[in-house]
Protein backbone atom coordinates (compact mmCIF):
# COMPACT_ATOMS: atom_id res chain seq x y z
CA MET A 1 -42.15 0.26 39.85
CA VAL A 2 -40.27 3.32 41.13
CA MET A 3 -38.44 2.94 44.44
CA ALA A 4 -37.94 5.89 46.74
CA GLU A 5 -34.62 6.65 48.36
CA MET A 6 -34.25 5.17 51.83
CA TRP A 7 -31.73 4.75 54.63
CA ILE A 8 -30.65 1.23 55.64
CA SER A 9 -28.63 0.36 58.74
CA MET A 10 -25.82 -2.14 58.15
CA GLY A 11 -24.78 -3.02 61.68
CA PRO A 12 -23.59 -3.35 64.30
CA GLN A 13 -24.88 -6.90 63.92
CA HIS A 14 -24.20 -7.11 60.17
CA PRO A 15 -21.48 -9.72 59.35
CA MET A 16 -19.47 -7.07 57.50
CA THR A 17 -18.91 -4.92 60.59
CA HIS A 18 -18.06 -7.59 63.20
CA GLY A 19 -19.90 -5.51 65.80
CA LEU A 20 -17.28 -2.74 65.81
CA TRP A 21 -19.24 -0.03 64.02
CA THR A 22 -22.44 0.60 62.12
CA LEU A 23 -22.94 2.03 58.67
CA LYS A 24 -26.12 3.77 57.64
CA VAL A 25 -26.41 3.83 53.86
CA LYS A 26 -28.78 5.77 51.66
CA VAL A 27 -29.90 3.74 48.67
CA ASP A 28 -31.69 4.64 45.47
CA GLY A 29 -32.87 1.32 44.17
CA GLU A 30 -29.73 -0.82 44.40
CA THR A 31 -27.28 2.10 44.22
CA ILE A 32 -25.70 3.51 47.39
CA THR A 33 -25.90 7.29 47.19
CA ASP A 34 -24.66 8.26 50.67
CA ALA A 35 -23.12 6.64 53.74
CA ASP A 36 -22.83 7.64 57.39
CA PRO A 37 -20.45 5.53 59.54
CA GLU A 38 -20.86 5.51 63.32
CA LEU A 39 -17.78 4.33 65.22
CA GLY A 40 -17.29 3.55 68.87
CA TYR A 41 -19.29 0.42 69.50
CA LEU A 42 -16.42 -1.13 71.44
CA HIS A 43 -16.11 1.76 73.89
CA ARG A 44 -16.82 0.32 77.31
CA SER A 45 -15.24 2.98 79.55
CA VAL A 46 -12.01 0.97 79.63
CA GLU A 47 -9.95 4.09 80.35
CA LYS A 48 -12.01 4.99 83.41
CA MET A 49 -11.97 1.43 84.73
CA GLY A 50 -8.19 1.32 84.21
CA GLU A 51 -7.75 4.44 86.33
CA ARG A 52 -9.35 2.77 89.34
CA ARG A 53 -7.36 -0.49 89.25
CA LYS A 54 -3.80 -1.47 89.93
CA TYR A 55 -1.70 -1.72 86.76
CA PHE A 56 -1.48 -5.53 86.81
CA MET A 57 -5.29 -5.85 86.97
CA ASN A 58 -5.78 -4.07 83.64
CA THR A 59 -4.68 -7.04 81.54
CA THR A 60 -8.20 -8.44 81.82
CA LEU A 61 -9.51 -5.18 80.37
CA THR A 62 -7.07 -5.13 77.47
CA ASP A 63 -8.17 -8.65 76.53
CA ARG A 64 -11.62 -7.25 75.83
CA LEU A 65 -10.58 -4.32 73.62
CA CYS A 66 -10.71 -6.35 70.42
CA TYR A 67 -12.01 -9.88 70.18
CA ALA A 68 -9.98 -10.57 67.04
CA SER A 69 -6.55 -9.76 68.52
CA SER A 70 -6.87 -9.74 72.30
CA THR A 71 -3.37 -11.10 72.97
CA THR A 72 -1.85 -8.32 70.89
CA TRP A 73 -3.55 -5.62 72.98
CA THR A 74 -2.48 -7.28 76.23
CA HIS A 75 1.10 -7.67 74.99
CA CYS A 76 1.22 -4.00 74.02
CA TYR A 77 -0.12 -2.94 77.41
CA VAL A 78 2.33 -5.12 79.34
CA LEU A 79 5.31 -3.87 77.30
CA THR A 80 4.25 -0.27 77.91
CA VAL A 81 3.88 -0.75 81.67
CA GLU A 82 7.25 -2.50 81.87
CA GLU A 83 8.94 0.30 79.97
CA LEU A 84 7.33 3.04 82.07
CA MET A 85 8.36 1.27 85.28
CA ASN A 86 11.87 0.43 84.01
CA VAL A 87 11.31 -3.27 84.65
CA GLU A 88 13.94 -5.64 83.28
CA ILE A 89 12.28 -8.88 82.22
CA PRO A 90 14.10 -12.24 82.30
CA GLU A 91 15.57 -13.75 79.13
CA ARG A 92 13.06 -16.60 79.28
CA ALA A 93 10.16 -14.13 79.16
CA LYS A 94 11.75 -12.37 76.17
CA TYR A 95 12.10 -15.71 74.39
CA ILE A 96 8.47 -16.70 75.09
CA ARG A 97 7.18 -13.35 73.79
CA THR A 98 8.98 -13.57 70.45
């Protein structure tokens, strides 16, 4: 039996992609002959929402950027805001963050 080439979508619900992106693959039998990745499935207009809020309210948005490392994104955001505002944090806070 001869199989024709076809395109198969592997995501965003496929376990391989974790919902972050989708991959459309062209197969000839069981051989992948071409692939077309589509990125951007996590884009939720976070930048625009962040523009309309006060800086301390954006930590709830940064938690949702990546489900696998939400605390890392929030930590990065907080450090950036503190540096831009020249905020000196207490020693206890430095100790807790390390």
